[in-house]
């Protein structure tokens, strides 16, 4: 049973060895261990702060990306609206120009038709005048074959000139 019951001398020397070991550890090892633990805790705290800062930066970057996307969508919508407006304007301008051009063509056609009508009327008058002169010439020629008729015509013309 000696194994299970320690002797007083053994307990005394164990207590002394423990005290010396405790003093050595307390003087030399314990400050190094505490310093290492503190630096590790500080490193962990810095890591946590860095992670929080990185999370904030990520959140800010996500927010900025969302803002840029919203701005890009707004600009795209503005560009599409502007393009649609320009398309409508171009179509309206083309329609207006086409109507103007059609009106010019119609006006030119009217003027040309009027000129052709005037020319046709003038040709008709000229032809009628020529026919009238031919007919009058033939009538006068038939009436002038006789000397009495010639004298009567000359006298009537002179009477008309004098009465005017």
N, C-alpha and C. Protein backbone atom coordinates (compact mmCIF):
# COMPACT_ATOMS: atom_id res chain seq x y z
N UNK A 1 0.78 -1.16 0.00
CA UNK A 1 0.00 0.00 0.00
C UNK A 1 0.85 1.26 0.00
N UNK A 2 2.06 1.01 -0.02
CA UNK A 2 2.96 2.16 -0.02
C UNK A 2 2.84 2.96 -1.30
N UNK A 3 2.41 2.35 -2.28
CA UNK A 3 2.26 3.05 -3.56
C UNK A 3 1.15 4.08 -3.47
N UNK A 4 0.14 3.77 -2.68
CA UNK A 4 -1.00 4.67 -2.64
C UNK A 4 -0.93 5.69 -1.52
N UNK A 5 -0.07 5.54 -0.60
CA UNK A 5 0.09 6.50 0.48
C UNK A 5 1.47 7.12 0.35
N UNK A 6 1.50 8.35 -0.01
CA UNK A 6 2.80 9.00 -0.17
C UNK A 6 3.42 9.36 1.17
N UNK A 7 4.68 9.42 1.17
CA UNK A 7 5.47 9.74 2.34
C UNK A 7 5.54 11.25 2.50
N UNK A 8 5.74 11.74 3.76
CA UNK A 8 5.78 13.18 3.99
C UNK A 8 6.96 13.83 3.25
N UNK A 9 8.06 13.21 3.16
CA UNK A 9 9.24 13.74 2.48
C UNK A 9 8.97 13.89 0.99
N UNK A 10 8.28 12.93 0.44
CA UNK A 10 7.95 13.00 -0.97
C UNK A 10 7.01 14.16 -1.22
N UNK A 11 6.03 14.34 -0.35
CA UNK A 11 5.08 15.44 -0.50
C UNK A 11 5.81 16.76 -0.35
N UNK A 12 6.75 16.84 0.63
CA UNK A 12 7.50 18.07 0.83
C UNK A 12 8.33 18.41 -0.39
N UNK A 13 9.05 17.47 -0.95
CA UNK A 13 9.90 17.74 -2.11
C UNK A 13 9.04 18.00 -3.37
N UNK A 14 7.94 17.37 -3.44
CA UNK A 14 7.04 17.64 -4.58
C UNK A 14 6.49 19.07 -4.48
N UNK A 15 6.15 19.44 -3.23
CA UNK A 15 5.65 20.79 -3.02
C UNK A 15 6.73 21.81 -3.34
N UNK A 16 7.95 21.61 -2.96
CA UNK A 16 9.07 22.52 -3.24
C UNK A 16 9.31 22.57 -4.76
N UNK A 17 9.33 21.39 -5.42
CA UNK A 17 9.56 21.35 -6.86
C UNK A 17 8.45 22.10 -7.59
N UNK A 18 7.21 21.87 -7.08
CA UNK A 18 6.08 22.58 -7.70
C UNK A 18 6.21 24.08 -7.52
N UNK A 19 6.59 24.54 -6.32
CA UNK A 19 6.77 25.96 -6.04
C UNK A 19 7.85 26.57 -6.91
N UNK A 20 9.01 25.88 -7.07
CA UNK A 20 10.11 26.39 -7.90
C UNK A 20 9.65 26.45 -9.36
N UNK A 21 9.00 25.37 -9.79
CA UNK A 21 8.50 25.35 -11.17
C UNK A 21 7.48 26.46 -11.38
N UNK A 22 6.60 26.67 -10.37
CA UNK A 22 5.60 27.72 -10.48
C UNK A 22 6.26 29.09 -10.56
N UNK A 23 7.30 29.33 -9.70
CA UNK A 23 8.00 30.61 -9.73
C UNK A 23 8.71 30.83 -11.07
N UNK A 24 9.33 29.80 -11.61
CA UNK A 24 10.02 29.92 -12.90
C UNK A 24 9.00 30.21 -14.00
N UNK A 25 7.91 29.45 -13.97
CA UNK A 25 6.86 29.69 -14.98
C UNK A 25 6.25 31.08 -14.83
N UNK A 26 6.01 31.47 -13.55
CA UNK A 26 5.38 32.76 -13.31
C UNK A 26 6.32 33.88 -13.73
N UNK A 27 7.58 33.75 -13.52
CA UNK A 27 8.56 34.80 -13.83
C UNK A 27 8.88 34.85 -15.32
N UNK A 28 9.05 33.70 -15.95
CA UNK A 28 9.53 33.71 -17.33
C UNK A 28 8.48 33.27 -18.35
N UNK A 29 7.78 32.20 -18.12
CA UNK A 29 6.88 31.66 -19.13
C UNK A 29 5.52 32.36 -19.14
N UNK A 30 4.99 32.64 -17.94
CA UNK A 30 3.65 33.23 -17.87
C UNK A 30 3.57 34.58 -18.59
N UNK A 31 4.51 35.53 -18.47
CA UNK A 31 4.41 36.77 -19.24
C UNK A 31 4.46 36.54 -20.75
N UNK A 32 5.29 35.59 -21.18
CA UNK A 32 5.38 35.29 -22.62
C UNK A 32 4.06 34.69 -23.10
N UNK A 33 3.52 33.77 -22.30
CA UNK A 33 2.24 33.14 -22.67
C UNK A 33 1.14 34.20 -22.70
N UNK A 34 1.07 35.06 -21.70
CA UNK A 34 0.05 36.11 -21.67
C UNK A 34 0.23 37.09 -22.84
N UNK A 35 1.52 37.40 -23.09
CA UNK A 35 1.79 38.31 -24.20
C UNK A 35 1.35 37.67 -25.52
N UNK A 36 1.64 36.40 -25.70
CA UNK A 36 1.25 35.69 -26.92
C UNK A 36 -0.27 35.61 -27.02
N UNK A 37 -0.93 35.30 -25.92
CA UNK A 37 -2.39 35.23 -25.91
C UNK A 37 -2.98 36.60 -26.20
N UNK A 38 -2.42 37.65 -25.57
CA UNK A 38 -2.92 39.00 -25.85
C UNK A 38 -2.72 39.40 -27.30
N UNK A 39 -1.52 39.08 -27.85
CA UNK A 39 -1.27 39.44 -29.25
C UNK A 39 -2.19 38.64 -30.17
N UNK A 40 -2.43 37.37 -29.78
CA UNK A 40 -3.36 36.55 -30.58
C UNK A 40 -4.76 37.13 -30.50
N UNK A 41 -5.18 37.53 -29.31
CA UNK A 41 -6.51 38.13 -29.14
C UNK A 41 -6.59 39.44 -29.92
N UNK A 42 -5.51 40.20 -29.87
CA UNK A 42 -5.47 41.45 -30.63
C UNK A 42 -5.54 41.18 -32.13
N UNK A 43 -4.81 40.14 -32.57
CA UNK A 43 -4.84 39.76 -33.98
C UNK A 43 -6.24 39.32 -34.39
N UNK A 44 -6.89 38.57 -33.52
CA UNK A 44 -8.27 38.13 -33.80
C UNK A 44 -9.20 39.33 -33.85
N UNK A 45 -9.03 40.27 -32.89
CA UNK A 45 -9.86 41.48 -32.89
C UNK A 45 -9.65 42.27 -34.18
N UNK A 46 -8.37 42.40 -34.58
CA UNK A 46 -8.09 43.12 -35.83
C UNK A 46 -8.70 42.39 -37.02
N UNK A 47 -8.64 41.06 -36.98
CA UNK A 47 -9.25 40.27 -38.06
C UNK A 47 -10.75 40.49 -38.11
N UNK A 48 -11.37 40.53 -36.92
CA UNK A 48 -12.82 40.77 -36.88
C UNK A 48 -13.13 42.18 -37.40
N UNK A 49 -12.34 43.16 -36.96
CA UNK A 49 -12.54 44.53 -37.45
C UNK A 49 -12.33 44.60 -38.96
N UNK A 50 -11.29 43.91 -39.43
CA UNK A 50 -11.02 43.88 -40.88
C UNK A 50 -12.18 43.22 -41.62
N UNK A 51 -12.69 42.13 -41.06
CA UNK A 51 -13.83 41.44 -41.68
C UNK A 51 -15.05 42.34 -41.71
N UNK A 52 -15.30 43.07 -40.60
CA UNK A 52 -16.44 43.99 -40.56
C UNK A 52 -16.26 45.11 -41.58
N UNK A 53 -15.02 45.64 -41.65
CA UNK A 53 -14.75 46.70 -42.63
C UNK A 53 -14.93 46.16 -44.04
N UNK A 54 -14.44 44.93 -44.27
CA UNK A 54 -14.60 44.33 -45.60
C UNK A 54 -16.07 44.11 -45.91
N UNK A 55 -16.85 43.69 -44.90
CA UNK A 55 -18.29 43.51 -45.11
C UNK A 55 -18.96 44.84 -45.44
N UNK A 56 -18.58 45.89 -44.70
CA UNK A 56 -19.14 47.21 -45.00
C UNK A 56 -18.77 47.66 -46.40
N UNK A 57 -17.49 47.44 -46.77
CA UNK A 57 -17.06 47.82 -48.11
C UNK A 57 -17.82 47.02 -49.16
N UNK A 58 -18.02 45.73 -48.89
CA UNK A 58 -18.78 44.90 -49.81
C UNK A 58 -20.21 45.40 -49.93
N UNK A 59 -20.81 45.72 -48.76
CA UNK A 59 -22.18 46.26 -48.79
C UNK A 59 -22.22 47.58 -49.56
N UNK A 60 -21.22 48.44 -49.30
CA UNK A 60 -21.16 49.71 -50.03
C UNK A 60 -20.95 49.48 -51.52
N UNK A 61 -20.07 48.52 -51.84
CA UNK A 61 -19.84 48.22 -53.26
C UNK A 61 -21.10 47.68 -53.91
N UNK A 62 -21.84 46.84 -53.18
CA UNK A 62 -23.10 46.33 -53.73
C UNK A 62 -24.09 47.47 -53.94
N UNK A 63 -24.15 48.37 -52.96
CA UNK A 63 -25.07 49.51 -53.08
C UNK A 63 -24.67 50.40 -54.24
N UNK A 64 -23.35 50.64 -54.38
CA UNK A 64 -22.88 51.47 -55.51
C UNK A 64 -23.18 50.78 -56.83
N UNK A 65 -22.96 49.45 -56.87
CA UNK A 65 -23.26 48.72 -58.10
C UNK A 65 -24.74 48.81 -58.43
N UNK A 66 -25.58 48.68 -57.41
CA UNK A 66 -27.02 48.81 -57.62
C UNK A 66 -27.38 50.21 -58.10
N UNK A 67 -26.73 51.22 -57.50
CA UNK A 67 -26.97 52.61 -57.94
C UNK A 67 -26.54 52.79 -59.38
N UNK A 68 -25.36 52.23 -59.73
CA UNK A 68 -24.89 52.35 -61.12
C UNK A 68 -25.84 51.64 -62.08
N UNK A 69 -26.33 50.46 -61.66
CA UNK A 69 -27.28 49.74 -62.51
C UNK A 69 -28.57 50.54 -62.68
N UNK A 70 -29.05 51.10 -61.58
CA UNK A 70 -30.28 51.91 -61.67
C UNK A 70 -30.06 53.13 -62.56
N UNK A 71 -28.90 53.77 -62.40
CA UNK A 71 -28.58 54.93 -63.24
C UNK A 71 -28.47 54.52 -64.71
N UNK A 72 -27.82 53.37 -64.95
CA UNK A 72 -27.70 52.88 -66.33
C UNK A 72 -29.07 52.56 -66.91
N UNK A 73 -29.94 51.96 -66.09
CA UNK A 73 -31.30 51.66 -66.58
C UNK A 73 -32.06 52.95 -66.88
N UNK A 74 -31.89 53.94 -66.00
CA UNK A 74 -32.58 55.22 -66.22
C UNK A 74 -32.06 55.88 -67.49
N UNK A 75 -30.73 55.85 -67.68
CA UNK A 75 -30.16 56.45 -68.89
C UNK A 75 -30.61 55.69 -70.12
N UNK A 76 -30.69 54.36 -70.01
CA UNK A 76 -31.17 53.56 -71.13
C UNK A 76 -32.61 53.93 -71.48
N UNK A 77 -33.44 54.06 -70.43
CA UNK A 77 -34.84 54.44 -70.66
C UNK A 77 -34.91 55.83 -71.29
N UNK A 78 -34.07 56.76 -70.79
CA UNK A 78 -34.05 58.11 -71.37
C UNK A 78 -33.63 58.06 -72.83
N UNK A 79 -32.59 57.26 -73.11
CA UNK A 79 -32.11 57.15 -74.50
C UNK A 79 -33.20 56.55 -75.39
N UNK A 80 -33.89 55.53 -74.89
CA UNK A 80 -34.96 54.93 -75.68
C UNK A 80 -36.09 55.93 -75.92
N UNK A 81 -36.43 56.69 -74.86
CA UNK A 81 -37.46 57.71 -75.04
C UNK A 81 -37.02 58.76 -76.05
N UNK A 82 -35.77 59.18 -75.94
CA UNK A 82 -35.23 60.19 -76.87
C UNK A 82 -35.19 59.64 -78.30
N UNK A 83 -34.79 58.37 -78.43
CA UNK A 83 -34.76 57.75 -79.76
C UNK A 83 -36.16 57.66 -80.35
N UNK A 84 -37.14 57.30 -79.51
CA UNK A 84 -38.51 57.22 -79.97
C UNK A 84 -39.01 58.60 -80.39
N UNK A 85 -38.66 59.61 -79.58
CA UNK A 85 -39.05 60.99 -79.91
C UNK A 85 -38.41 61.42 -81.24
N UNK A 86 -37.12 61.10 -81.39
CA UNK A 86 -36.44 61.46 -82.63
C UNK A 86 -37.06 60.72 -83.82
N UNK A 87 -37.41 59.44 -83.61
CA UNK A 87 -38.04 58.66 -84.68
C UNK A 87 -39.35 59.31 -85.09
N UNK A 88 -40.15 59.68 -84.09
CA UNK A 88 -41.44 60.33 -84.38
C UNK A 88 -41.22 61.65 -85.11
N UNK A 89 -40.21 62.40 -84.64
CA UNK A 89 -39.90 63.68 -85.27
C UNK A 89 -39.47 63.48 -86.72
N UNK A 90 -38.61 62.49 -86.95
CA UNK A 90 -38.12 62.23 -88.31
C UNK A 90 -39.26 61.80 -89.21
N UNK A 91 -40.13 60.92 -88.68
CA UNK A 91 -41.28 60.48 -89.47
C UNK A 91 -42.19 61.66 -89.79
N UNK A 92 -42.44 62.49 -88.79
CA UNK A 92 -43.30 63.66 -89.00
C UNK A 92 -42.67 64.62 -90.00
N UNK A 93 -41.37 64.82 -89.87
CA UNK A 93 -40.67 65.71 -90.80
C UNK A 93 -40.72 65.14 -92.22
N UNK A 94 -40.49 63.83 -92.34
CA UNK A 94 -40.53 63.20 -93.67
C UNK A 94 -41.94 63.31 -94.25
N UNK A 95 -42.95 63.09 -93.38
CA UNK A 95 -44.34 63.20 -93.85
C UNK A 95 -44.63 64.63 -94.31
N UNK A 96 -44.17 65.61 -93.52
CA UNK A 96 -44.38 67.01 -93.86
C UNK A 96 -43.68 67.35 -95.17
N UNK A 97 -42.43 66.89 -95.29
CA UNK A 97 -41.69 67.16 -96.53
C UNK A 97 -42.36 66.48 -97.72
N UNK A 98 -42.86 65.27 -97.52
CA UNK A 98 -43.54 64.55 -98.60
C UNK A 98 -44.81 65.30 -99.01
N UNK A 99 -45.56 65.78 -98.02
CA UNK A 99 -46.77 66.54 -98.34
C UNK A 99 -46.41 67.83 -99.07
N UNK A 100 -45.36 68.49 -98.59
CA UNK A 100 -44.91 69.73 -99.24
C UNK A 100 -44.49 69.45 -100.67
N UNK A 101 -43.72 68.38 -100.84
CA UNK A 101 -43.26 68.03 -102.19
C UNK A 101 -44.43 67.66 -103.08
N UNK A 102 -45.40 66.92 -102.52
CA UNK A 102 -46.58 66.55 -103.30
C UNK A 102 -47.37 67.79 -103.68
N UNK A 103 -47.48 68.74 -102.74
CA UNK A 103 -48.18 69.99 -103.03
C UNK A 103 -47.47 70.76 -104.14
N UNK A 104 -46.13 70.79 -104.07
CA UNK A 104 -45.36 71.47 -105.12
C UNK A 104 -45.61 70.82 -106.47
N UNK A 105 -45.58 69.47 -106.48
CA UNK A 105 -45.82 68.74 -107.74
C UNK A 105 -47.22 69.03 -108.25
N UNK A 106 -48.21 69.03 -107.33
CA UNK A 106 -49.59 69.31 -107.75
C UNK A 106 -49.72 70.74 -108.27
N UNK A 107 -49.08 71.70 -107.57
CA UNK A 107 -49.13 73.09 -108.03
C UNK A 107 -48.47 73.22 -109.40
N UNK A 108 -47.32 72.57 -109.56
CA UNK A 108 -46.64 72.62 -110.86
C UNK A 108 -47.51 71.99 -111.94
N UNK A 109 -48.18 70.89 -111.60
CA UNK A 109 -49.06 70.24 -112.57
C UNK A 109 -50.23 71.15 -112.92
N UNK A 110 -50.80 71.83 -111.90
CA UNK A 110 -51.91 72.76 -112.18
C UNK A 110 -51.46 73.88 -113.10
N UNK A 111 -50.28 74.44 -112.80
CA UNK A 111 -49.76 75.52 -113.63
C UNK A 111 -49.54 75.02 -115.05
N UNK A 112 -48.98 73.81 -115.16
CA UNK A 112 -48.72 73.25 -116.50
C UNK A 112 -50.04 73.00 -117.23
N UNK A 113 -51.02 72.48 -116.48
CA UNK A 113 -52.33 72.23 -117.11
C UNK A 113 -52.95 73.55 -117.57
N UNK A 114 -52.86 74.60 -116.72
CA UNK A 114 -53.41 75.91 -117.09
C UNK A 114 -52.69 76.45 -118.32
N UNK A 115 -51.38 76.30 -118.35
CA UNK A 115 -50.64 76.78 -119.52
C UNK A 115 -51.05 76.01 -120.77
N UNK A 116 -51.19 74.69 -120.62
CA UNK A 116 -51.61 73.89 -121.78
C UNK A 116 -53.02 74.26 -122.23
N UNK A 117 -53.90 74.56 -121.24
CA UNK A 117 -55.26 74.99 -121.61
C UNK A 117 -55.21 76.32 -122.37
N UNK A 118 -54.38 77.24 -121.84
CA UNK A 118 -54.27 78.54 -122.52
C UNK A 118 -53.70 78.38 -123.93
N UNK A 119 -52.69 77.52 -124.04
CA UNK A 119 -52.11 77.28 -125.36
C UNK A 119 -53.14 76.64 -126.30
N UNK A 120 -53.91 75.68 -125.74
CA UNK A 120 -54.93 75.02 -126.56
C UNK A 120 -56.00 76.04 -126.98
N UNK A 121 -56.41 76.93 -126.01
CA UNK A 121 -57.40 77.95 -126.35
C UNK A 121 -56.84 78.90 -127.41
N UNK A 122 -55.56 79.26 -127.23
CA UNK A 122 -54.93 80.17 -128.21
C UNK A 122 -54.85 79.50 -129.58
N UNK A 123 -54.50 78.23 -129.62
CA UNK A 123 -54.45 77.50 -130.90
C UNK A 123 -55.85 77.41 -131.51
N UNK A 124 -56.83 77.14 -130.62
CA UNK A 124 -58.20 77.06 -131.11
C UNK A 124 -58.64 78.40 -131.71
N UNK A 125 -58.33 79.49 -130.99
CA UNK A 125 -58.68 80.83 -131.49
C UNK A 125 -57.97 81.11 -132.81
N UNK A 126 -56.69 80.76 -132.85
CA UNK A 126 -55.94 80.99 -134.09
C UNK A 126 -56.56 80.21 -135.24
N UNK A 127 -56.92 78.95 -134.98
CA UNK A 127 -57.51 78.13 -136.04
C UNK A 127 -58.87 78.70 -136.46
N UNK A 128 -59.67 79.11 -135.42
CA UNK A 128 -60.97 79.70 -135.72
C UNK A 128 -60.78 80.98 -136.54
N UNK A 129 -59.76 81.77 -136.13
CA UNK A 129 -59.50 83.02 -136.87
C UNK A 129 -59.09 82.72 -138.30
N UNK A 130 -58.23 81.71 -138.46
CA UNK A 130 -57.80 81.34 -139.81
C UNK A 130 -58.98 80.89 -140.64
N UNK A 131 -59.84 80.03 -140.02
CA UNK A 131 -61.01 79.56 -140.76
C UNK A 131 -61.93 80.73 -141.10
N UNK A 132 -62.12 81.64 -140.11
CA UNK A 132 -62.99 82.79 -140.34
C UNK A 132 -62.43 83.65 -141.47
N UNK A 133 -61.09 83.83 -141.43
CA UNK A 133 -60.48 84.63 -142.50
C UNK A 133 -60.61 83.94 -143.86
N UNK A 134 -60.43 82.64 -143.85
CA UNK A 134 -60.56 81.91 -145.12
C UNK A 134 -62.00 82.01 -145.64
N UNK A 135 -62.96 81.80 -144.67
CA UNK A 135 -64.36 81.88 -145.07
C UNK A 135 -64.69 83.30 -145.54
N UNK A 136 -64.21 84.28 -144.75
CA UNK A 136 -64.48 85.66 -145.13
C UNK A 136 -63.82 85.97 -146.47
N UNK A 137 -62.60 85.47 -146.63
CA UNK A 137 -61.90 85.70 -147.89
C UNK A 137 -62.66 85.09 -149.06
N UNK A 138 -63.19 83.88 -148.85
CA UNK A 138 -63.93 83.23 -149.93
C UNK A 138 -65.23 83.98 -150.22
N UNK A 139 -65.89 84.43 -149.12
CA UNK A 139 -67.15 85.17 -149.30
C UNK A 139 -66.86 86.48 -150.02
N UNK A 140 -65.83 87.19 -149.55
CA UNK A 140 -65.48 88.46 -150.17
C UNK A 140 -65.06 88.23 -151.62
N UNK A 141 -64.32 87.16 -151.84
CA UNK A 141 -63.86 86.87 -153.20
C UNK A 141 -65.06 86.63 -154.12
N UNK A 142 -66.08 85.88 -153.60
CA UNK A 142 -67.26 85.63 -154.40
C UNK A 142 -68.05 86.92 -154.64
N UNK A 143 -68.12 87.77 -153.58
CA UNK A 143 -68.88 89.00 -153.72
C UNK A 143 -68.10 90.01 -154.56
N UNK A 144 -66.82 89.96 -154.59
CA UNK A 144 -66.01 90.94 -155.27
C UNK A 144 -65.81 90.63 -156.76
N UNK A 145 -66.31 89.58 -157.18
CA UNK A 145 -66.19 89.28 -158.59
C UNK A 145 -67.02 90.28 -159.41
N UNK A 146 -67.95 90.80 -158.79
CA UNK A 146 -68.83 91.75 -159.46
C UNK A 146 -68.34 93.16 -159.13
N UNK A 147 -68.23 94.09 -160.13
CA UNK A 147 -67.71 95.45 -159.91
C UNK A 147 -68.68 96.25 -159.05
N UNK A 148 -69.95 96.10 -159.22
CA UNK A 148 -70.90 96.83 -158.41
C UNK A 148 -70.75 96.44 -156.94
N UNK A 149 -70.56 95.19 -156.66
CA UNK A 149 -70.43 94.71 -155.28
C UNK A 149 -69.15 95.28 -154.67
N UNK A 150 -68.09 95.40 -155.48
CA UNK A 150 -66.83 95.95 -154.96
C UNK A 150 -67.02 97.41 -154.58
N UNK A 151 -67.66 98.18 -155.42
CA UNK A 151 -67.89 99.59 -155.14
C UNK A 151 -68.79 99.76 -153.91
N UNK A 152 -69.81 98.94 -153.78
CA UNK A 152 -70.73 99.01 -152.63
C UNK A 152 -69.97 98.70 -151.34
N UNK A 153 -69.10 97.70 -151.36
CA UNK A 153 -68.32 97.32 -150.16
C UNK A 153 -67.38 98.44 -149.78
N UNK A 154 -66.68 99.05 -150.75
CA UNK A 154 -65.74 100.13 -150.47
C UNK A 154 -66.51 101.31 -149.91
N UNK A 155 -67.63 101.66 -150.47
CA UNK A 155 -68.42 102.78 -150.00
C UNK A 155 -68.94 102.54 -148.58
N UNK A 156 -69.39 101.33 -148.28
CA UNK A 156 -69.91 101.05 -146.93
C UNK A 156 -68.77 101.12 -145.91
N UNK A 157 -67.59 100.67 -146.29
CA UNK A 157 -66.45 100.73 -145.36
C UNK A 157 -66.05 102.18 -145.13
N UNK A 158 -66.06 102.99 -146.16
CA UNK A 158 -65.70 104.40 -146.01
C UNK A 158 -66.74 105.12 -145.15
N UNK A 159 -68.01 104.77 -145.31
CA UNK A 159 -69.05 105.37 -144.51
C UNK A 159 -68.85 105.01 -143.02
N UNK A 160 -68.47 103.79 -142.76
CA UNK A 160 -68.23 103.37 -141.37
C UNK A 160 -67.06 104.13 -140.77
N UNK A 161 -66.01 104.31 -141.56
CA UNK A 161 -64.80 105.01 -141.06
C UNK A 161 -65.16 106.47 -140.77
N UNK A 162 -65.94 107.11 -141.64
CA UNK A 162 -66.29 108.50 -141.45
C UNK A 162 -67.22 108.68 -140.25
N UNK A 163 -68.06 107.71 -139.98
CA UNK A 163 -69.01 107.85 -138.88
C UNK A 163 -68.31 107.66 -137.52
N UNK A 164 -67.24 107.11 -137.51
CA UNK A 164 -66.51 106.90 -136.25
C UNK A 164 -65.77 108.12 -135.93
